[in-house]
Amino acid sequence: MASNTTIEVPVDDLQVGMYVSDLDRPWLETSYSIQGILIQSQNDIDILKRYCTLVYVDVDRSEPFVAQRHTPYAKIPVSTDIANKHKQLQPNETESLGALLQRAIPYTDIHAAEQEIPAATKAYSVAFTLFSDISINIERNTKFDIQAAHEVVDTLCESIIRNPDAALLLAQLKTTGKELYDSAIKTSVHLLAFGRHLGLPRKELSILGLGGLLMDIGKQRLPKEIQTKKSFLLKPNERKLMKQHISYGEEIITQLSNTPEEVIKIVLQHHERENGNGYPHGLHANQLHPYGRMAAIVDCYEELIWGQPGMPGMRPFHAIKELRDNAQNGLSYLLVEQFAHCVGMFPVGSLVELNTGEIAIVLTHNRTQRLLPRIMIICDAKKKPYDAPLTVDLRTAGPSPRGIQYTIANDLPQGAYGIDAKQYYL
């Protein structure tokens, strides 16, 4: 049923960037497990054509440049609140995100994730060695080679272009015990995957990855006892110290020659917020670089999902929900939705419980149906490991041996039931 924020659109006239909020039939009569879909490809449109003649597109949740382009369809008026909200945004905000998304180029998986894991593992190890060298240079107050960092990120970038699931799997499972190093590489991987998902050109992916690697470099000048502390656990004096990592990071990277301007923006802006409530400068949406806005989302996501001793992190499914709920408080809703599609509600490497009671690991995503990934079933309903794990693609799988159609019932924290997912891969 349409509301005053939606427009009625024939399925044949759907365009990439439109957010379909409702159908001409119940969602339960379709293959979608949740209501609402952001159209990202022709395949999304083709799937909707199987079920619908008409759909309802939410103008407010669609990409701004798409909504503006298709206003002739607007038989149903857009609410005054929405109109006012868009009016308040400066033109260059809409143009900056619009330009970012209009640069999209299609990427296809060249390798299967399993084939890509060896190359991704090697790239990950090279990145760890590089970051170790960078840290030594910072401790000695000497400059590091930005070109070497760029070349290492390029190696990660090539792996993610071939298939992002391999590097995302390592980001989920691989730890070294050095939290700043792990965080830097995970951030780089997530920003590279995010950029690939948006279809950014190869050169820009590399810049994003470099920005992710160096985003929190200034933390290495902070007291060690607060370097990896969760923000909500910081005392007032520690919080004040923590905010200085931005200026330290700026000082470190601006002393280097040939540092891309966009990398500096990522370092400076990943704690800024669209509503002006961020730091260090309290910038608003129209003043933020799109990469800074992407980095803010990745930073918040990782803050939520990675735990500390005695304090497990939030499950990815709930972390994405938290990002969506808080998008009104300073994150770009459009980019949060895109990031949710990028990592999936059940990220690669996640443990999940099936409706059969069995436990599985998410192996790879199905790009158009993120709630139906390819999984490896490793434990029976009593949580006992199988001698031979079973690989199942939930999109095409038939019924289980018990005659039940497989679905994911719950996501689980890493280590649930004493399961070490790393032993199956690393």
Protein backbone atom coordinates (compact mmCIF):
# COMPACT_ATOMS: atom_id res chain seq x y z
CA MET A 1 0.00 0.00 0.00
CA ALA A 2 1.47 3.34 -0.99
CA SER A 3 2.01 6.16 1.47
CA ASN A 4 2.65 9.85 0.96
CA THR A 5 6.38 9.16 0.58
CA THR A 6 6.05 6.67 -2.27
CA ILE A 7 5.44 6.61 -5.99
CA GLU A 8 3.78 3.85 -7.98
CA VAL A 9 6.08 2.44 -10.66
CA PRO A 10 5.47 -0.32 -13.24
CA VAL A 11 8.06 -3.06 -12.81
CA ASP A 12 9.18 -2.56 -16.42
CA ASP A 13 10.13 1.04 -15.55
CA LEU A 14 12.23 0.26 -12.47
CA GLN A 15 15.73 1.74 -12.39
CA VAL A 16 18.88 0.98 -10.43
CA GLY A 17 18.89 3.12 -7.29
CA MET A 18 15.16 2.90 -6.57
CA TYR A 19 14.11 1.58 -3.16
CA VAL A 20 11.09 -0.72 -3.48
CA SER A 21 9.18 -0.48 -0.21
CA ASP A 22 6.05 -2.42 -1.17
CA LEU A 23 4.63 -4.69 -3.86
CA ASP A 24 1.26 -5.27 -5.51
CA ARG A 25 1.07 -8.51 -3.53
CA PRO A 26 2.18 -9.70 -0.06
CA TRP A 27 5.95 -10.12 0.37
CA LEU A 28 5.29 -13.59 1.79
CA GLU A 29 4.15 -14.68 -1.67
CA THR A 30 7.64 -13.96 -3.01
CA SER A 31 11.13 -15.34 -2.33
CA TYR A 32 12.11 -12.27 -0.26
CA SER A 33 12.70 -12.91 3.43
CA ILE A 34 12.47 -9.24 4.41
CA GLN A 35 10.36 -6.35 3.16
CA GLY A 36 12.11 -3.71 1.08
CA ILE A 37 14.85 -3.88 -1.52
CA LEU A 38 17.25 -1.33 -2.98
CA ILE A 39 17.51 -2.03 -6.73
CA GLN A 40 21.21 -2.54 -7.48
CA SER A 41 21.20 -4.43 -10.77
CA GLN A 42 19.06 -5.61 -13.68
CA ASN A 43 18.90 -8.98 -11.96
CA ASP A 44 17.00 -7.40 -9.05
CA ILE A 45 14.47 -6.03 -11.54
CA ASP A 46 14.17 -9.38 -13.33
CA ILE A 47 13.41 -11.15 -10.03
CA LEU A 48 10.65 -8.64 -9.21
CA LYS A 49 9.16 -9.15 -12.68
CA ARG A 50 8.48 -12.78 -11.78
CA TYR A 51 6.02 -11.68 -9.10
CA CYS A 52 4.74 -8.18 -9.75
CA THR A 53 3.27 -5.82 -12.28
CA LEU A 54 3.45 -2.71 -10.09
CA VAL A 55 5.66 -1.80 -7.12
CA TYR A 56 5.88 1.16 -4.77
CA VAL A 57 9.13 3.10 -4.62
CA ASP A 58 10.05 5.10 -1.52
CA VAL A 59 11.43 8.40 -2.81
CA ASP A 60 13.05 9.24 0.52
CA ARG A 61 15.03 5.99 0.68
CA SER A 62 15.98 5.88 -2.99
CA GLU A 63 19.23 7.34 -4.22
CA PRO A 64 18.70 11.13 -4.47
CA PHE A 65 19.68 11.52 -8.11
CA VAL A 66 17.37 8.66 -9.12
CA ALA A 67 14.43 10.07 -7.20
CA GLN A 68 14.92 13.45 -8.87
CA ARG A 69 15.24 11.88 -12.31
CA HIS A 70 11.95 10.02 -11.99
CA THR A 71 9.69 12.64 -10.46
CA PRO A 72 7.29 12.45 -13.48
CA TYR A 73 6.00 9.20 -11.99
CA ALA A 74 4.97 10.95 -8.80
CA LYS A 75 1.21 10.49 -8.93
CA ILE A 76 1.35 10.35 -5.14
CA PRO A 77 2.73 13.56 -3.62
CA VAL A 78 5.92 13.50 -1.60
CA SER A 79 5.38 14.68 1.95
CA THR A 80 6.33 18.19 3.04
CA ASP A 81 8.80 16.73 5.55
CA ILE A 82 10.70 14.92 2.82
CA ALA A 83 10.66 17.94 0.56
CA ASN A 84 11.98 20.11 3.39
CA LYS A 85 14.66 17.61 4.27
CA HIS A 86 16.00 17.55 0.71
CA LYS A 87 15.70 21.31 0.49
CA GLN A 88 17.89 21.70 3.56
CA LEU A 89 20.71 19.72 1.93
CA GLN A 90 23.18 21.74 -0.02
CA PRO A 91 23.31 20.82 -3.73
CA ASN A 92 26.87 19.55 -3.56
CA GLU A 93 25.88 16.92 -0.96
CA THR A 94 23.43 15.29 -3.34
CA GLU A 95 25.83 15.69 -6.21
CA SER A 96 28.76 14.18 -4.31
CA LEU A 97 26.91 11.00 -3.38
CA GLY A 98 25.14 10.94 -6.70
CA ALA A 99 28.42 11.32 -8.57
CA LEU A 100 29.94 8.57 -6.44
CA LEU A 101 27.18 6.13 -7.35
CA GLN A 102 26.95 7.20 -10.98
CA ARG A 103 30.60 6.22 -11.50
CA ALA A 104 29.56 2.62 -10.88
CA ILE A 105 31.11 -0.05 -13.07
CA PRO A 106 30.05 -3.70 -12.91
CA TYR A 107 32.29 -6.20 -11.13
CA THR A 108 31.86 -9.94 -11.45
CA ASP A 109 33.48 -12.68 -9.39
CA ILE A 110 36.42 -13.99 -11.41
CA HIS A 111 37.31 -16.74 -8.92
CA ALA A 112 35.26 -18.74 -6.48
CA ALA A 113 35.95 -17.71 -2.88
CA GLU A 114 37.70 -21.02 -2.16
CA GLN A 115 40.04 -20.45 -5.10
CA GLU A 116 40.83 -16.93 -3.94
CA ILE A 117 41.64 -17.76 -0.30
CA PRO A 118 45.36 -18.56 -0.88
CA ALA A 119 45.96 -15.25 -2.69
CA ALA A 120 43.91 -13.33 -0.12
CA THR A 121 45.87 -14.97 2.71
CA LYS A 122 49.17 -13.95 1.12
CA ALA A 123 47.95 -10.37 0.61
CA TYR A 124 46.76 -10.28 4.22
CA SER A 125 50.18 -11.43 5.48
CA VAL A 126 52.02 -8.86 3.37
CA ALA A 127 49.73 -6.15 4.75
CA PHE A 128 50.44 -7.26 8.31
CA THR A 129 54.20 -7.10 7.72
CA LEU A 130 53.87 -3.64 6.18
CA PHE A 131 51.81 -2.32 9.08
CA SER A 132 54.36 -3.70 11.52
CA ASP A 133 57.08 -1.75 9.69
CA ILE A 134 54.93 1.40 9.71
CA SER A 135 54.43 1.06 13.47
CA ILE A 136 58.17 0.77 14.07
CA ASN A 137 58.75 3.94 12.04
CA ILE A 138 56.11 5.80 14.05
CA GLU A 139 57.68 4.69 17.33
CA ARG A 140 61.02 6.03 16.06
CA ASN A 141 59.40 9.25 14.76
CA THR A 142 60.57 8.49 11.25
CA LYS A 143 58.59 8.66 8.03
CA PHE A 144 57.37 5.51 6.28
CA ASP A 145 57.10 4.83 2.56
CA ILE A 146 53.58 5.69 1.42
CA GLN A 147 54.30 4.14 -1.98
CA ALA A 148 55.08 0.80 -0.35
CA ALA A 149 51.80 1.02 1.55
CA HIS A 150 49.99 1.78 -1.69
CA GLU A 151 51.52 -1.26 -3.39
CA VAL A 152 50.49 -3.56 -0.55
CA VAL A 153 46.94 -2.24 -0.63
CA ASP A 154 46.95 -2.82 -4.39
CA THR A 155 47.58 -6.51 -3.72
CA LEU A 156 44.60 -6.65 -1.36
CA CYS A 157 42.57 -4.69 -3.89
CA GLU A 158 43.26 -7.16 -6.71
CA SER A 159 42.13 -10.05 -4.52
CA ILE A 160 38.91 -8.25 -3.58
CA ILE A 161 38.21 -7.40 -7.22
CA ARG A 162 38.50 -11.11 -8.11
CA ASN A 163 36.19 -12.11 -5.24
CA PRO A 164 35.69 -10.08 -2.04
CA ASP A 165 34.41 -13.01 0.01
CA ALA A 166 37.87 -14.51 0.53
CA ALA A 167 39.34 -11.36 2.12
CA LEU A 168 36.12 -10.71 4.06
CA LEU A 169 36.34 -14.24 5.43
CA LEU A 170 39.88 -13.58 6.65
CA ALA A 171 38.78 -10.26 8.14
CA GLN A 172 36.12 -12.13 10.09
CA LEU A 173 38.31 -14.99 11.29
CA LYS A 174 42.00 -14.06 11.18
CA THR A 175 43.57 -12.44 14.24
CA THR A 176 47.21 -11.86 15.14
CA GLY A 177 46.83 -10.69 18.73
CA LYS A 178 47.93 -7.17 17.76
CA GLU A 179 44.62 -5.35 17.78
CA LEU A 180 45.73 -2.14 16.05
CA TYR A 181 47.26 -4.14 13.20
CA ASP A 182 44.20 -6.38 12.87
CA SER A 183 41.85 -3.40 12.97
CA ALA A 184 43.78 -1.52 10.27
CA ILE A 185 43.70 -4.46 7.85
CA LYS A 186 40.05 -5.31 8.55
CA THR A 187 39.11 -1.67 7.94
CA SER A 188 41.04 -1.63 4.68
CA VAL A 189 39.33 -4.85 3.55
CA HIS A 190 35.85 -3.58 4.45
CA LEU A 191 36.36 -0.28 2.64
CA LEU A 192 37.74 -2.05 -0.43
CA ALA A 193 34.77 -4.42 -0.47
CA PHE A 194 32.37 -1.50 0.10
CA GLY A 195 33.89 0.41 -2.81
CA ARG A 196 33.72 -2.65 -5.07
CA HIS A 197 30.08 -3.12 -4.13
CA LEU A 198 29.40 0.49 -5.17
CA GLY A 199 31.24 -0.15 -8.43
CA LEU A 200 33.99 2.41 -7.92
CA PRO A 201 36.85 2.39 -10.45
CA ARG A 202 39.98 0.40 -9.64
CA LYS A 203 42.12 3.46 -8.86
CA GLU A 204 39.58 4.77 -6.35
CA LEU A 205 39.31 1.39 -4.66
CA SER A 206 43.03 1.51 -3.99
CA ILE A 207 42.72 4.96 -2.42
CA LEU A 208 39.85 3.77 -0.23
CA GLY A 209 41.87 0.76 0.91
CA LEU A 210 44.88 2.93 1.72
CA GLY A 211 42.66 5.30 3.70
CA GLY A 212 41.25 2.38 5.65
CA LEU A 213 44.71 1.05 6.46
CA LEU A 214 45.89 4.44 7.77
CA MET A 215 42.61 5.72 9.20
CA ASP A 216 43.51 5.16 12.84
CA ILE A 217 47.29 5.46 12.50
CA GLY A 218 47.27 8.29 15.05
CA LYS A 219 46.19 5.87 17.81
CA GLN A 220 49.76 4.62 17.96
CA ARG A 221 50.71 7.88 19.67
CA LEU A 222 48.12 7.40 22.40
CA PRO A 223 48.76 5.70 25.77
CA LYS A 224 48.70 1.95 25.14
CA GLU A 225 46.01 1.35 27.75
CA ILE A 226 43.39 3.23 25.70
CA GLN A 227 44.52 2.49 22.13
CA THR A 228 41.99 -0.31 21.60
CA LYS A 229 39.43 0.58 24.23
CA LYS A 230 35.78 0.75 23.12
CA SER A 231 34.51 4.32 22.96
CA PHE A 232 31.64 3.70 25.39
CA LEU A 233 34.12 2.39 27.99
CA LEU A 234 36.31 5.48 27.92
CA LYS A 235 36.37 7.78 30.92
CA PRO A 236 35.94 11.53 30.20
CA ASN A 237 39.67 12.25 30.35
CA GLU A 238 40.40 9.18 28.19
CA ARG A 239 37.77 10.25 25.67
CA LYS A 240 39.49 13.61 25.34
CA LEU A 241 42.80 11.85 24.72
CA MET A 242 41.23 9.45 22.22
CA LYS A 243 39.96 12.32 20.08
CA GLN A 244 43.55 13.44 19.60
CA HIS A 245 44.24 10.41 17.39
CA ILE A 246 42.75 12.39 14.49
CA SER A 247 45.26 15.23 14.77
CA TYR A 248 48.10 12.75 15.36
CA GLY A 249 47.06 10.85 12.25
CA GLU A 250 46.89 14.02 10.20
CA GLU A 251 50.36 15.01 11.38
CA ILE A 252 51.80 11.61 10.47
CA ILE A 253 50.40 11.31 6.97
CA THR A 254 50.69 14.94 5.85
CA GLN A 255 54.45 14.73 6.44
CA LEU A 256 54.64 12.07 3.75
CA SER A 257 55.08 12.95 0.12
CA ASN A 258 52.44 12.00 -2.45
CA THR A 259 49.71 11.14 0.05
CA PRO A 260 46.39 11.26 -1.88
CA GLU A 261 44.11 14.04 -0.68
CA GLU A 262 41.25 11.54 -0.33
CA VAL A 263 43.30 9.49 2.15
CA ILE A 264 43.78 12.59 4.29
CA LYS A 265 40.01 13.19 4.13
CA ILE A 266 39.34 9.67 5.42
CA VAL A 267 41.74 10.15 8.33
CA LEU A 268 40.23 13.54 9.20
CA GLN A 269 36.54 12.75 8.69
CA HIS A 270 35.80 9.19 9.83
CA HIS A 271 34.49 10.52 13.17
CA GLU A 272 32.52 13.39 11.64
CA ARG A 273 28.74 12.97 11.38
CA GLU A 274 26.16 14.17 8.89
CA ASN A 275 24.26 16.14 11.54
CA GLY A 276 27.36 18.06 12.69
CA ASN A 277 27.72 16.15 15.98
CA GLY A 278 31.03 14.50 15.12
CA TYR A 279 34.63 15.55 15.65
CA PRO A 280 37.15 17.13 15.24
CA HIS A 281 35.44 19.96 13.31
CA GLY A 282 31.68 19.30 13.61
CA LEU A 283 31.24 19.16 9.83
CA HIS A 284 27.83 18.63 8.24
CA ALA A 285 26.86 16.28 5.42
CA ASN A 286 27.47 18.71 2.58
CA GLN A 287 30.99 19.35 3.92
CA LEU A 288 32.00 15.68 4.05
CA HIS A 289 33.81 13.72 1.38
CA PRO A 290 31.90 10.56 0.32
CA TYR A 291 34.91 8.44 1.36
CA GLY A 292 34.85 10.01 4.82
CA ARG A 293 31.17 9.11 5.08
CA MET A 294 31.89 5.52 3.99
CA ALA A 295 34.74 5.28 6.49
CA ALA A 296 32.46 6.48 9.30
CA ILE A 297 30.09 3.58 8.62
CA VAL A 298 32.86 0.99 8.53
CA ASP A 299 34.37 2.41 11.72
CA CYS A 300 31.01 2.20 13.55
CA TYR A 301 30.37 -1.32 12.27
CA GLU A 302 33.72 -2.60 13.47
CA GLU A 303 33.29 -0.86 16.82
CA LEU A 304 30.07 -2.84 17.24
CA ILE A 305 31.14 -6.30 16.08
CA TRP A 306 34.63 -6.70 17.56
CA GLY A 307 34.65 -7.61 21.22
CA GLN A 308 37.16 -7.23 24.02
CA PRO A 309 38.25 -9.73 26.69
CA GLY A 310 35.18 -10.56 28.73
CA MET A 311 32.92 -8.53 26.42
CA PRO A 312 31.82 -10.17 23.16
CA GLY A 313 31.01 -7.97 20.22
CA MET A 314 27.57 -7.54 18.73
CA ARG A 315 26.45 -10.11 16.18
CA PRO A 316 26.69 -8.71 12.63
CA PHE A 317 22.94 -9.00 12.01
CA HIS A 318 22.26 -6.82 15.06
CA ALA A 319 25.14 -4.48 14.23
CA ILE A 320 23.59 -3.72 10.82
CA LYS A 321 20.23 -3.12 12.49
CA GLU A 322 21.96 -0.75 14.94
CA LEU A 323 23.57 1.15 12.05
CA ARG A 324 20.19 1.49 10.34
CA ASP A 325 18.48 2.61 13.54
CA ASN A 326 21.16 5.23 14.14
CA ALA A 327 21.46 6.46 10.56
CA GLN A 328 19.21 9.38 11.46
CA ASN A 329 21.77 10.40 14.09
CA GLY A 330 24.68 11.07 11.83
CA LEU A 331 25.38 8.33 9.26
CA SER A 332 24.26 8.45 5.64
CA TYR A 333 21.14 6.27 5.40
CA LEU A 334 21.79 5.67 1.71
CA LEU A 335 25.34 4.45 2.35
CA VAL A 336 24.30 2.37 5.39
CA GLU A 337 21.83 0.52 3.17
CA GLN A 338 24.54 -0.07 0.57
CA PHE A 339 26.96 -1.30 3.23
CA ALA A 340 24.30 -3.68 4.58
CA HIS A 341 24.00 -5.16 1.10
CA CYS A 342 27.79 -5.32 0.82
CA VAL A 343 28.55 -7.32 3.99
CA GLY A 344 25.18 -9.05 4.22
CA MET A 345 23.08 -9.71 7.29
CA PHE A 346 25.13 -12.87 7.74
CA PRO A 347 28.70 -11.93 6.76
CA VAL A 348 31.11 -14.41 5.27
CA GLY A 349 32.69 -16.40 8.10
CA SER A 350 29.68 -16.00 10.40
CA LEU A 351 28.31 -18.87 12.45
CA VAL A 352 24.58 -19.42 11.97
CA GLU A 353 21.96 -21.77 13.34
CA LEU A 354 19.57 -23.30 10.83
CA ASN A 355 15.87 -24.04 11.31
CA THR A 356 16.91 -27.71 11.55
CA GLY A 357 18.97 -26.92 14.67
CA GLU A 358 22.22 -27.56 12.78
CA ILE A 359 25.15 -25.13 12.88
CA ALA A 360 26.78 -23.77 9.73
CA ILE A 361 29.45 -21.34 8.59
CA VAL A 362 28.61 -18.80 5.89
CA LEU A 363 30.95 -19.47 2.95
CA THR A 364 29.96 -16.99 0.26
CA HIS A 365 27.15 -14.56 -0.50
CA ASN A 366 24.59 -14.81 -3.21
CA ARG A 367 24.93 -11.29 -4.59
CA THR A 368 21.20 -10.74 -5.24
CA GLN A 369 19.72 -12.64 -2.27
CA ARG A 370 21.92 -11.91 0.71
CA LEU A 371 19.75 -13.87 3.14
CA LEU A 372 20.34 -17.05 1.13
CA PRO A 373 24.13 -17.56 1.21
CA ARG A 374 26.20 -20.62 0.47
CA ILE A 375 26.98 -22.36 3.77
CA MET A 376 28.93 -25.25 5.24
CA ILE A 377 26.88 -27.29 7.73
CA ILE A 378 29.37 -28.43 10.39
CA CYS A 379 27.30 -29.58 13.39
CA ASP A 380 24.11 -31.59 13.83
CA ALA A 381 21.05 -30.47 15.78
CA LYS A 382 22.73 -31.59 19.01
CA LYS A 383 25.70 -29.33 18.14
CA LYS A 384 27.99 -32.30 17.56
CA PRO A 385 30.48 -31.87 14.66
CA TYR A 386 29.82 -33.86 11.51
CA ASP A 387 32.64 -36.09 10.28
CA ALA A 388 32.11 -34.66 6.80
CA PRO A 389 30.67 -31.11 6.64
CA LEU A 390 28.00 -30.53 4.01
CA THR A 391 28.13 -27.54 1.64
CA VAL A 392 24.71 -26.14 0.71
CA ASP A 393 23.61 -23.18 -1.41
CA LEU A 394 20.44 -21.94 0.31
CA ARG A 395 19.23 -20.28 -2.87
CA THR A 396 19.00 -23.55 -4.78
CA ALA A 397 19.03 -26.21 -2.04
CA GLY A 398 16.24 -28.74 -1.81
CA PRO A 399 14.82 -30.00 1.48
CA SER A 400 17.08 -31.34 4.23
CA PRO A 401 17.20 -35.12 4.90
CA ARG A 402 14.36 -34.48 7.37
CA GLY A 403 12.25 -32.94 4.61
CA ILE A 404 12.60 -29.35 5.89
CA GLN A 405 13.54 -26.49 3.57
CA TYR A 406 16.76 -25.00 4.95
CA THR A 407 16.63 -21.42 6.27
CA ILE A 408 18.81 -19.46 8.69
CA ALA A 409 17.09 -19.14 12.06
CA ASN A 410 19.72 -17.19 14.02
CA ASP A 411 23.18 -15.78 13.73
CA LEU A 412 25.60 -16.83 16.46
CA PRO A 413 28.59 -15.18 18.12
CA GLN A 414 32.01 -16.49 17.14
CA GLY A 415 32.95 -19.34 19.43
CA ALA A 416 29.35 -20.40 20.12
CA TYR A 417 29.10 -24.00 21.33
CA GLY A 418 32.89 -24.10 21.46
CA ILE A 419 33.13 -24.01 17.64
CA ASP A 420 36.33 -22.58 16.18
CA ALA A 421 35.43 -21.62 12.60
CA LYS A 422 39.10 -20.93 11.82
CA GLN A 423 39.95 -24.62 11.86
CA TYR A 424 37.88 -25.10 8.72
CA TYR A 425 39.86 -22.48 6.77
CA LEU A 426 43.03 -21.17 8.35
